[in-house]
Amino acid sequence: MKKCLILMSLICLTFSNVITAKAEVDPTAINYSNSIDKKAIVTAEQPEVNASAAIVMEASTGAILYSKNVQEAYYPASITKILTTLLALENSSLRETVTFSKESVFDVDLDSSRIGIDVGEKLTMEESLYGIMLESANEVSYAVAEHISGDVDSFADLMNKKAKELGATNSHFINPHGLPDPEHYTCAYDMALIARAAINNPTFRKITSTRTFTIPPTNIQEKARPLANHHKFINGAIPFEGAIGGKTGYTSKAKYTLVTFAERNGMTLISVIMSCDSIKDEYSDTSNILNYGFNNFSVYNIAEMENPVDTESISLFNNNSPVFSTTKTALKISPESNIILPNDASLKDVKKEIEFKPITKLVEGQHIIGTVSYTYNGMFAGTSNIIFNNVATDTLLKSSILPLQTVEPNTGENGKHIIGKSNISMKSVVIGVFVGMVVLGAGLYIIFVEIPYRKRRQAYHQKRNRRKHSSDTSYIDF
């Protein structure tokens, strides 16, 4: 039924709308506002964690591989600066000049993490962000907030707005650095969502993966300032295979907090540790839950899974169906979407649900007309956008069935309308529309009813024949 609704919507749009503009839509962009099940995909053995809260999230899907108290609110300390850095990257350029005010230098705890900036000193935004992410400089975070929003309170409003956009609904931010405040809190799940958005920013990824960086002499400081990444997986103090970045945090109230990014075998994982009693425990917890994720889960590309080479497979987006062919049709699924599954899971156990998103106005370009969501044992495993490329429809609309060109009528000397080859009567248009819909409907019936039926029958008989010659009856039906 959902498949029919999508197809009928496309038919109606095809024959009732005119291309008016170009759609500025990125169909491969991750929609962070989608609601994601906050429960982990559970496998047999869960790692032990000392921290009060922890989570492992797969970056491309948002699937949760491990969770402990992920909705409980805690003080984040300096992992707050991940959101500060992300907002700075989204709202400024790296070459902009950040000038340090008296407030930015003196309104943060002088005994907290700093890099010794003076009032009136100038850094580029790029230098500032390295100072924030590598040395956790609180005065730099304050100055960047002022530069972006004018004052810290306005920047905090921007932080809270961004957090909600990302789906982080159990968080509230007061400042850009994470120093203690009763109204400054988040949870492991929300922090993972924020970190997920950050690691998908190429510039953030470069900064967080940097071991050392040097700020050259400034208008006030004559000596260069060398910076070093505090994260022990990145600076090499504690080896961890695949570590690509992260952010440390500590205050007496927040205890130890840690965000870590790691990659192995094409899979990027995000871990968040909150309210941990010691540095030793926070790194051992991080190592345990990340290794658990890498050792027990695998990532699958949805486009490859839905368009298998096996010609016997029948799928919603099968290449055997020309409507969903990547070369013959206007419909496709996002080629960069993935699902995450336990290693011992079978793809035949994955359930998918299509959600249709009606288009109110058809314009030229690519449109997201729906999503395909995947679950495993009731837990979220991944999602993909269904993309409609209006270029193909433009060609259809300009076909002989339904001309789009408005033809000026021929008139005689007396001004009367003369019927000729360039004139198209309303009756002809109506007939053309009707015939086109009938032809298209018949074609869709053949594609989605008759052809799949015949292929299922053929596959059924072939499988029966194979069973006669083999005792192995296990197989994966895509």
Protein backbone atom coordinates (compact mmCIF):
# COMPACT_ATOMS: atom_id res chain seq x y z
CA MET A 1 0.00 0.00 0.00
CA LYS A 2 2.80 2.45 0.88
CA LYS A 3 4.50 1.66 -2.39
CA CYS A 4 1.31 2.45 -4.25
CA LEU A 5 0.90 5.75 -2.39
CA ILE A 6 4.38 6.83 -3.43
CA LEU A 7 3.77 5.90 -7.03
CA MET A 8 0.35 7.54 -7.17
CA SER A 9 1.81 10.73 -5.68
CA LEU A 10 4.47 10.79 -8.36
CA ILE A 11 1.84 10.27 -11.07
CA CYS A 12 -0.25 13.16 -9.75
CA LEU A 13 2.77 15.40 -9.45
CA THR A 14 3.97 14.47 -12.90
CA PHE A 15 0.75 15.48 -14.61
CA SER A 16 -0.39 18.39 -12.44
CA ASN A 17 2.70 20.53 -11.73
CA VAL A 18 5.00 22.67 -13.83
CA ILE A 19 8.71 23.00 -13.18
CA THR A 20 9.16 26.46 -11.67
CA ALA A 21 12.58 26.56 -10.01
CA LYS A 22 15.61 24.57 -9.02
CA ALA A 23 15.48 22.70 -5.73
CA GLU A 24 18.39 23.39 -3.40
CA VAL A 25 18.26 20.05 -1.58
CA ASP A 26 21.14 17.80 -0.62
CA PRO A 27 19.57 14.33 -0.72
CA THR A 28 22.63 12.69 0.83
CA ALA A 29 22.69 14.93 3.87
CA ILE A 30 22.08 13.29 7.21
CA ASN A 31 18.85 14.35 8.86
CA TYR A 32 19.89 14.67 12.49
CA SER A 33 16.41 15.68 13.60
CA ASN A 34 15.05 12.18 12.91
CA SER A 35 13.92 10.44 16.08
CA ILE A 36 16.29 7.59 16.86
CA ASP A 37 15.58 4.74 19.27
CA LYS A 38 17.74 5.40 22.31
CA LYS A 39 18.13 1.69 23.10
CA ALA A 40 21.20 -0.22 22.02
CA ILE A 41 21.23 -3.19 19.66
CA VAL A 42 22.03 -5.85 22.24
CA THR A 43 24.43 -8.74 21.64
CA ALA A 44 25.29 -11.59 23.99
CA GLU A 45 27.91 -10.07 26.29
CA GLN A 46 28.04 -6.41 27.34
CA PRO A 47 31.28 -4.79 28.53
CA GLU A 48 31.54 -3.59 32.12
CA VAL A 49 31.79 0.19 32.51
CA ASN A 50 32.85 2.11 35.62
CA ALA A 51 31.52 5.51 34.51
CA SER A 52 28.01 6.55 35.55
CA ALA A 53 26.93 6.91 31.92
CA ALA A 54 28.32 5.76 28.59
CA ILE A 55 27.30 5.26 24.97
CA VAL A 56 28.69 4.02 21.67
CA MET A 57 27.00 5.37 18.53
CA GLU A 58 27.82 4.52 14.91
CA ALA A 59 28.42 7.79 13.08
CA SER A 60 26.81 7.16 9.69
CA THR A 61 23.56 5.67 10.99
CA GLY A 62 23.10 6.97 14.53
CA ALA A 63 22.57 3.38 15.68
CA ILE A 64 23.40 2.79 19.34
CA LEU A 65 25.70 -0.17 19.97
CA TYR A 66 26.16 0.26 23.72
CA SER A 67 24.27 2.30 26.30
CA LYS A 68 24.32 2.93 30.02
CA ASN A 69 22.14 5.61 31.62
CA VAL A 70 22.19 7.52 28.34
CA GLN A 71 19.25 9.77 29.28
CA GLU A 72 20.51 10.77 32.72
CA ALA A 73 21.66 14.42 32.95
CA TYR A 74 25.25 15.15 33.98
CA TYR A 75 27.66 18.08 33.89
CA PRO A 76 29.65 17.81 30.66
CA ALA A 77 32.71 19.92 31.58
CA SER A 78 34.96 20.64 28.57
CA ILE A 79 33.34 18.23 26.11
CA THR A 80 30.95 21.20 25.79
CA LYS A 81 33.62 22.65 23.49
CA ILE A 82 32.70 20.18 20.74
CA LEU A 83 29.44 22.08 20.28
CA THR A 84 31.26 25.43 20.57
CA THR A 85 33.71 24.43 17.84
CA LEU A 86 30.96 23.07 15.57
CA LEU A 87 29.00 26.33 15.83
CA ALA A 88 32.12 28.40 15.15
CA LEU A 89 32.80 26.36 11.99
CA GLU A 90 29.21 26.80 10.84
CA ASN A 91 29.04 30.53 11.54
CA SER A 92 32.46 31.91 10.63
CA SER A 93 35.47 31.41 8.39
CA LEU A 94 38.86 30.19 9.58
CA ARG A 95 40.56 33.41 8.48
CA GLU A 96 38.42 35.73 10.59
CA THR A 97 40.19 37.60 13.38
CA VAL A 98 39.10 37.00 16.97
CA THR A 99 39.95 39.91 19.27
CA PHE A 100 40.02 39.14 22.99
CA SER A 101 37.95 41.37 25.23
CA LYS A 102 38.54 42.06 28.92
CA GLU A 103 35.55 39.82 29.74
CA SER A 104 36.92 36.89 27.76
CA VAL A 105 40.21 37.07 29.65
CA PHE A 106 38.96 37.76 33.19
CA ASP A 107 35.40 36.40 33.36
CA VAL A 108 36.56 32.79 33.35
CA ASP A 109 38.30 31.07 36.25
CA LEU A 110 41.97 32.09 36.14
CA ASP A 111 42.93 28.69 37.53
CA SER A 112 41.08 26.81 34.80
CA SER A 113 42.48 25.56 31.50
CA ARG A 114 43.95 28.49 29.53
CA ILE A 115 46.71 29.33 27.02
CA GLY A 116 47.59 32.78 28.40
CA ILE A 117 45.82 35.17 26.04
CA ASP A 118 45.94 38.90 26.93
CA VAL A 119 43.29 41.60 26.51
CA GLY A 120 43.38 42.99 22.99
CA GLU A 121 45.29 40.02 21.58
CA LYS A 122 44.24 38.76 18.15
CA LEU A 123 44.08 35.20 16.84
CA THR A 124 42.58 33.80 13.68
CA MET A 125 39.49 31.66 14.09
CA GLU A 126 41.53 28.64 13.01
CA GLU A 127 44.15 29.27 15.72
CA SER A 128 41.37 29.80 18.24
CA LEU A 129 39.68 26.48 17.44
CA TYR A 130 42.94 24.56 17.79
CA GLY A 131 43.39 26.27 21.15
CA ILE A 132 39.91 25.16 22.18
CA MET A 133 40.06 21.54 20.98
CA LEU A 134 43.69 20.72 21.79
CA GLU A 135 44.43 22.71 24.96
CA SER A 136 40.80 23.19 26.09
CA ALA A 137 41.39 26.94 26.46
CA ASN A 138 38.46 28.48 28.33
CA GLU A 139 39.29 32.12 27.58
CA VAL A 140 39.46 31.27 23.87
CA SER A 141 36.04 29.58 24.03
CA TYR A 142 34.64 32.74 25.63
CA ALA A 143 36.18 34.98 22.95
CA VAL A 144 34.91 32.80 20.11
CA ALA A 145 31.40 32.93 21.60
CA GLU A 146 31.57 36.73 21.72
CA HIS A 147 32.88 36.85 18.16
CA ILE A 148 30.06 34.66 16.82
CA SER A 149 27.09 36.05 18.77
CA GLY A 150 28.19 39.28 20.41
CA ASP A 151 27.97 37.96 23.95
CA VAL A 152 28.00 34.64 25.81
CA ASP A 153 24.28 34.61 26.58
CA SER A 154 23.38 34.96 22.90
CA PHE A 155 25.87 32.23 22.02
CA ALA A 156 24.30 29.97 24.65
CA ASP A 157 20.95 30.51 22.93
CA LEU A 158 22.58 29.43 19.69
CA MET A 159 23.99 26.35 21.41
CA ASN A 160 20.59 25.33 22.73
CA LYS A 161 18.95 25.93 19.35
CA LYS A 162 21.54 23.77 17.59
CA ALA A 163 21.22 21.04 20.20
CA LYS A 164 17.47 20.82 19.64
CA GLU A 165 17.97 20.71 15.87
CA LEU A 166 20.22 17.70 16.36
CA GLY A 167 17.62 15.96 18.53
CA ALA A 168 19.38 16.68 21.84
CA THR A 169 16.30 17.38 23.97
CA ASN A 170 17.73 16.59 27.41
CA SER A 171 20.41 19.29 27.39
CA HIS A 172 20.77 22.93 28.39
CA PHE A 173 23.88 25.02 27.85
CA ILE A 174 24.82 28.25 29.66
CA ASN A 175 28.39 28.84 28.50
CA PRO A 176 30.77 27.84 25.68
CA HIS A 177 33.46 26.20 27.84
CA GLY A 178 31.67 23.88 30.27
CA LEU A 179 32.75 25.36 33.59
CA PRO A 180 30.24 24.35 36.31
CA ASP A 181 26.76 25.85 36.35
CA PRO A 182 23.59 24.20 37.71
CA GLU A 183 21.81 25.02 34.44
CA HIS A 184 24.58 23.65 32.20
CA TYR A 185 23.99 19.94 31.61
CA THR A 186 23.57 17.23 29.00
CA CYS A 187 23.33 13.45 28.74
CA ALA A 188 25.41 10.79 27.01
CA TYR A 189 22.89 10.33 24.21
CA ASP A 190 22.62 14.06 23.47
CA MET A 191 26.40 14.42 23.56
CA ALA A 192 26.73 11.58 21.07
CA LEU A 193 24.30 13.35 18.71
CA ILE A 194 26.33 16.56 18.96
CA ALA A 195 29.59 14.67 18.43
CA ARG A 196 28.05 12.88 15.44
CA ALA A 197 27.25 16.18 13.77
CA ALA A 198 30.76 17.47 14.54
CA ILE A 199 32.71 14.50 13.19
CA ASN A 200 30.82 14.75 9.90
CA ASN A 201 32.31 18.24 9.48
CA PRO A 202 35.64 17.77 7.60
CA THR A 203 37.35 20.74 9.28
CA PHE A 204 36.33 19.58 12.74
CA ARG A 205 37.64 16.11 11.90
CA LYS A 206 40.99 17.60 10.91
CA ILE A 207 41.26 19.69 14.08
CA THR A 208 40.28 16.94 16.51
CA SER A 209 42.74 14.49 14.96
CA THR A 210 45.70 16.88 15.27
CA ARG A 211 48.39 15.99 17.81
CA THR A 212 50.19 19.32 17.96
CA PHE A 213 49.68 22.81 16.59
CA THR A 214 51.66 26.03 16.97
CA ILE A 215 50.11 29.47 17.25
CA PRO A 216 52.64 31.93 15.79
CA PRO A 217 53.56 35.25 17.49
CA THR A 218 50.64 37.66 17.73
CA ASN A 219 50.18 41.40 18.01
CA ILE A 220 50.98 41.08 21.75
CA GLN A 221 52.78 37.77 22.30
CA GLU A 222 56.26 37.70 20.74
CA LYS A 223 56.77 33.98 21.20
CA ALA A 224 54.96 31.15 19.45
CA ARG A 225 52.52 29.06 21.49
CA PRO A 226 52.87 25.29 21.01
CA LEU A 227 49.64 23.34 21.60
CA ALA A 228 49.26 19.63 22.33
CA ASN A 229 46.17 17.45 22.20
CA HIS A 230 45.12 16.31 25.69
CA HIS A 231 43.35 13.15 24.49
CA LYS A 232 45.63 10.25 25.35
CA PHE A 233 44.52 8.12 22.38
CA ILE A 234 45.52 10.95 20.03
CA ASN A 235 48.76 12.13 21.65
CA GLY A 236 49.98 8.52 21.87
CA ALA A 237 50.08 8.19 25.65
CA ILE A 238 47.63 5.30 25.42
CA PRO A 239 47.67 3.40 22.11
CA PHE A 240 44.29 2.62 20.57
CA GLU A 241 43.85 1.28 17.07
CA GLY A 242 41.80 3.55 14.81
CA ALA A 243 41.49 6.57 17.14
CA ILE A 244 40.91 9.71 15.06
CA GLY A 245 39.95 12.36 17.61
CA GLY A 246 38.09 13.34 20.72
CA LYS A 247 37.77 15.79 23.59
CA THR A 248 38.60 15.52 27.26
CA GLY A 249 36.81 17.17 30.16
CA TYR A 250 37.07 17.49 33.93
CA THR A 251 35.69 19.54 36.80
CA SER A 252 35.21 18.46 40.39
CA LYS A 253 31.44 18.40 39.89
CA ALA A 254 31.39 16.80 36.46
CA LYS A 255 34.22 14.38 37.28
CA TYR A 256 35.95 12.99 34.18
CA THR A 257 34.20 13.17 30.84
CA LEU A 258 35.52 11.96 27.50
CA VAL A 259 34.36 11.86 23.88
CA THR A 260 36.29 9.67 21.44
CA PHE A 261 36.07 9.05 17.68
CA ALA A 262 37.56 5.90 16.14
CA GLU A 263 37.51 4.17 12.75
CA ARG A 264 38.07 0.58 11.71
CA ASN A 265 37.03 -1.37 8.62
CA GLY A 266 34.98 1.48 7.20
CA MET A 267 32.99 2.00 10.42
CA THR A 268 33.23 5.19 12.52
CA LEU A 269 32.23 4.92 16.17
CA ILE A 270 31.59 7.65 18.73
CA SER A 271 31.96 6.94 22.44
CA VAL A 272 30.90 9.22 25.28
CA ILE A 273 31.92 8.73 28.92
CA MET A 274 30.31 10.87 31.63
CA SER A 275 30.82 11.19 35.39
CA CYS A 276 33.81 8.87 35.71
CA ASP A 277 35.91 8.78 38.87
CA SER A 278 39.38 8.56 37.35
CA ILE A 279 41.38 9.09 34.16
CA LYS A 280 42.36 5.44 34.20
CA ASP A 281 38.75 4.31 34.28
CA GLU A 282 37.53 6.71 31.62
CA TYR A 283 40.12 5.46 29.12
CA SER A 284 39.65 1.80 29.99
CA ASP A 285 35.88 2.24 29.70
CA THR A 286 36.32 3.94 26.33
CA SER A 287 38.62 1.20 25.08
CA ASN A 288 36.24 -1.54 26.23
CA ILE A 289 33.08 -0.14 24.70
CA LEU A 290 34.73 0.86 21.42
CA ASN A 291 36.36 -2.57 21.03
CA TYR A 292 32.99 -4.11 21.83
CA GLY A 293 31.44 -2.11 19.00
CA PHE A 294 34.15 -2.92 16.46
CA ASN A 295 34.31 -6.62 17.38
CA ASN A 296 30.59 -7.33 17.41
CA PHE A 297 29.05 -5.18 14.67
CA SER A 298 29.38 -4.65 10.93
CA VAL A 299 28.22 -1.91 8.59
CA TYR A 300 26.29 -2.56 5.36
CA ASN A 301 25.67 -0.11 2.55
CA ILE A 302 21.93 0.12 1.93
CA ALA A 303 22.21 0.79 -1.80
CA GLU A 304 24.32 -2.34 -2.26
CA MET A 305 22.01 -4.35 -0.03
CA GLU A 306 18.86 -3.20 -1.81
CA ASN A 307 20.36 -3.62 -5.29
CA PRO A 308 22.09 -7.01 -5.14
CA VAL A 309 23.77 -8.62 -8.11
CA ASP A 310 21.68 -11.75 -7.57
CA THR A 311 18.96 -11.56 -10.22
CA GLU A 312 16.70 -13.85 -8.20
CA SER A 313 16.33 -11.29 -5.41
CA ILE A 314 13.22 -9.16 -5.33
CA SER A 315 13.51 -5.81 -3.58
CA LEU A 316 11.76 -2.47 -3.45
CA PHE A 317 14.75 -0.80 -5.06
CA ASN A 318 15.98 -3.63 -7.22
CA ASN A 319 17.97 -2.80 -10.35
CA ASN A 320 15.79 -5.33 -12.15
CA SER A 321 12.95 -2.87 -11.77
CA PRO A 322 13.56 -0.02 -14.22
CA VAL A 323 11.57 2.45 -12.12
CA PHE A 324 14.27 2.24 -9.43
CA SER A 325 17.25 1.76 -11.74
CA THR A 326 20.00 4.29 -11.08
CA THR A 327 20.36 4.90 -14.82
CA LYS A 328 16.79 4.61 -16.10
CA THR A 329 14.62 6.19 -13.46
CA ALA A 330 14.04 9.31 -11.43
CA LEU A 331 13.85 7.33 -8.18
CA LYS A 332 16.77 6.08 -6.12
CA ILE A 333 17.87 5.64 -2.55
CA SER A 334 20.72 7.61 -0.99
CA PRO A 335 23.94 5.85 -2.04
CA GLU A 336 25.82 6.74 1.16
CA SER A 337 23.30 5.37 3.67
CA ASN A 338 24.24 2.42 5.88
CA ILE A 339 22.76 0.04 8.39
CA ILE A 340 24.61 -1.45 11.35
CA LEU A 341 24.03 -5.05 12.50
CA PRO A 342 25.56 -7.56 14.92
CA ASN A 343 28.03 -9.88 13.22
CA ASP A 344 25.83 -12.91 13.86
CA ALA A 345 22.70 -11.23 12.46
CA SER A 346 21.10 -12.28 9.22
CA LEU A 347 19.98 -9.66 6.74
CA LYS A 348 16.70 -11.55 6.35
CA ASP A 349 15.90 -10.58 9.97
CA VAL A 350 16.09 -6.87 9.18
CA LYS A 351 12.69 -5.21 8.91
CA LYS A 352 12.12 -2.08 6.87
CA GLU A 353 9.38 0.50 6.88
CA ILE A 354 8.72 3.13 4.23
CA GLU A 355 7.46 6.54 5.29
CA PHE A 356 6.07 8.68 2.50
CA LYS A 357 6.59 12.46 2.56
CA PRO A 358 4.21 14.18 0.12
CA ILE A 359 5.59 16.97 -2.07
CA THR A 360 3.33 20.01 -2.21
CA LYS A 361 5.17 21.62 -5.10
CA LEU A 362 7.28 19.95 -7.76
CA VAL A 363 10.38 21.89 -8.77
CA GLU A 364 13.42 21.00 -10.79
CA GLY A 365 16.14 19.03 -9.04
CA GLN A 366 16.32 16.30 -6.42
CA HIS A 367 13.62 15.82 -3.79
CA ILE A 368 13.45 13.65 -0.69
CA ILE A 369 10.01 12.04 -1.02
CA GLY A 370 10.31 9.55 1.81
CA THR A 371 12.56 7.41 3.97
CA VAL A 372 13.23 3.72 4.43
CA SER A 373 13.89 2.86 8.09
CA TYR A 374 15.52 -0.40 9.16
CA THR A 375 15.19 -2.18 12.49
CA TYR A 376 16.74 -5.31 13.95
CA ASN A 377 14.98 -7.01 16.87
CA GLY A 378 12.95 -3.83 17.26
CA MET A 379 16.03 -1.59 17.51
CA PHE A 380 16.99 1.14 15.07
CA ALA A 381 19.68 -0.01 12.60
CA GLY A 382 19.74 2.72 9.95
CA THR A 383 17.74 4.77 7.50
CA SER A 384 17.94 6.02 3.92
CA ASN A 385 16.26 8.79 1.98
CA ILE A 386 14.15 8.00 -1.09
CA ILE A 387 15.22 10.53 -3.71
CA PHE A 388 13.19 11.73 -6.68
CA ASN A 389 15.19 13.45 -9.43
CA ASN A 390 12.89 15.80 -11.33
CA VAL A 391 15.13 15.92 -14.40
CA ALA A 392 13.55 12.70 -15.64
CA THR A 393 10.08 14.09 -15.05
CA ASP A 394 11.03 17.22 -16.97
CA THR A 395 11.80 14.99 -19.95
CA LEU A 396 8.50 13.18 -19.53
CA LEU A 397 6.53 16.40 -19.34
CA LYS A 398 8.15 17.65 -22.52
CA SER A 399 7.23 14.50 -24.39
CA SER A 400 4.56 14.29 -27.06
CA ILE A 401 2.00 13.11 -24.50
CA LEU A 402 1.85 16.41 -22.60
CA PRO A 403 3.67 19.39 -24.14
CA LEU A 404 4.78 22.08 -21.71
CA GLN A 405 5.48 24.75 -24.30
CA THR A 406 2.80 27.42 -24.49
CA VAL A 407 2.04 27.99 -28.17
CA GLU A 408 0.82 31.35 -29.34
CA PRO A 409 -2.40 30.97 -31.37
CA ASN A 410 -2.50 31.93 -35.07
CA THR A 411 -4.87 34.73 -35.87
CA GLY A 412 -6.19 35.98 -39.17
CA GLU A 413 -6.60 39.52 -40.33
CA ASN A 414 -9.94 39.78 -38.57
CA GLY A 415 -8.38 38.61 -35.30
CA LYS A 416 -10.20 35.28 -35.32
CA HIS A 417 -8.42 32.17 -34.07
CA ILE A 418 -7.18 29.89 -36.87
CA ILE A 419 -6.73 26.22 -36.05
CA GLY A 420 -3.34 25.00 -37.33
CA LYS A 421 -0.46 22.66 -36.49
CA SER A 422 0.82 24.88 -33.68
CA ASN A 423 -2.47 24.93 -31.79
CA ILE A 424 -3.33 22.43 -29.07
CA SER A 425 -6.91 22.31 -27.93
CA MET A 426 -7.90 21.65 -24.34
CA LYS A 427 -9.54 18.44 -25.49
CA SER A 428 -6.23 17.22 -26.91
CA VAL A 429 -4.44 18.00 -23.68
CA VAL A 430 -7.04 16.16 -21.60
CA ILE A 431 -6.90 13.16 -23.91
CA GLY A 432 -3.10 13.24 -23.78
CA VAL A 433 -3.12 13.32 -19.99
CA PHE A 434 -5.61 10.47 -19.80
CA VAL A 435 -3.72 8.32 -22.27
CA GLY A 436 -0.44 9.06 -20.52
CA MET A 437 -1.82 8.06 -17.12
CA VAL A 438 -3.27 4.86 -18.52
CA VAL A 439 0.01 3.94 -20.19
CA LEU A 440 2.02 4.81 -17.09
CA GLY A 441 -0.39 2.93 -14.85
CA ALA A 442 -0.16 -0.14 -17.06
CA GLY A 443 3.61 0.08 -17.02
CA LEU A 444 3.71 0.38 -13.25
CA TYR A 445 1.41 -2.61 -12.92
CA ILE A 446 3.73 -4.68 -15.07
CA ILE A 447 6.81 -3.50 -13.17
CA PHE A 448 5.51 -3.87 -9.62
CA VAL A 449 2.99 -6.69 -9.93
CA GLU A 450 3.52 -8.88 -12.94
CA ILE A 451 7.32 -8.94 -13.15
CA PRO A 452 7.92 -9.50 -9.39
CA TYR A 453 5.25 -12.24 -9.41
CA ARG A 454 6.96 -14.07 -12.24
CA LYS A 455 10.38 -13.67 -10.62
CA ARG A 456 9.10 -14.96 -7.30
CA ARG A 457 7.64 -18.01 -9.00
CA GLN A 458 10.88 -18.58 -10.89
CA ALA A 459 12.95 -18.17 -7.72
CA TYR A 460 10.63 -20.49 -5.83
CA HIS A 461 10.96 -23.29 -8.38
CA GLN A 462 14.72 -22.83 -8.57
CA LYS A 463 15.04 -23.05 -4.79
CA ARG A 464 12.90 -26.17 -4.74
CA ASN A 465 15.17 -27.74 -7.32
CA ARG A 466 18.23 -26.83 -5.31
CA ARG A 467 16.77 -28.33 -2.14
CA LYS A 468 16.46 -31.66 -3.93
CA HIS A 469 20.21 -31.76 -4.42
CA SER A 470 21.38 -30.18 -1.17
CA SER A 471 20.59 -30.55 2.54
CA ASP A 472 21.64 -26.98 3.31
CA THR A 473 18.46 -24.90 3.41
CA SER A 474 19.88 -21.72 4.94
CA TYR A 475 20.00 -18.66 2.72
CA ILE A 476 19.64 -14.88 2.88
CA ASP A 477 16.69 -13.36 1.06
CA PHE A 478 17.45 -9.71 0.30
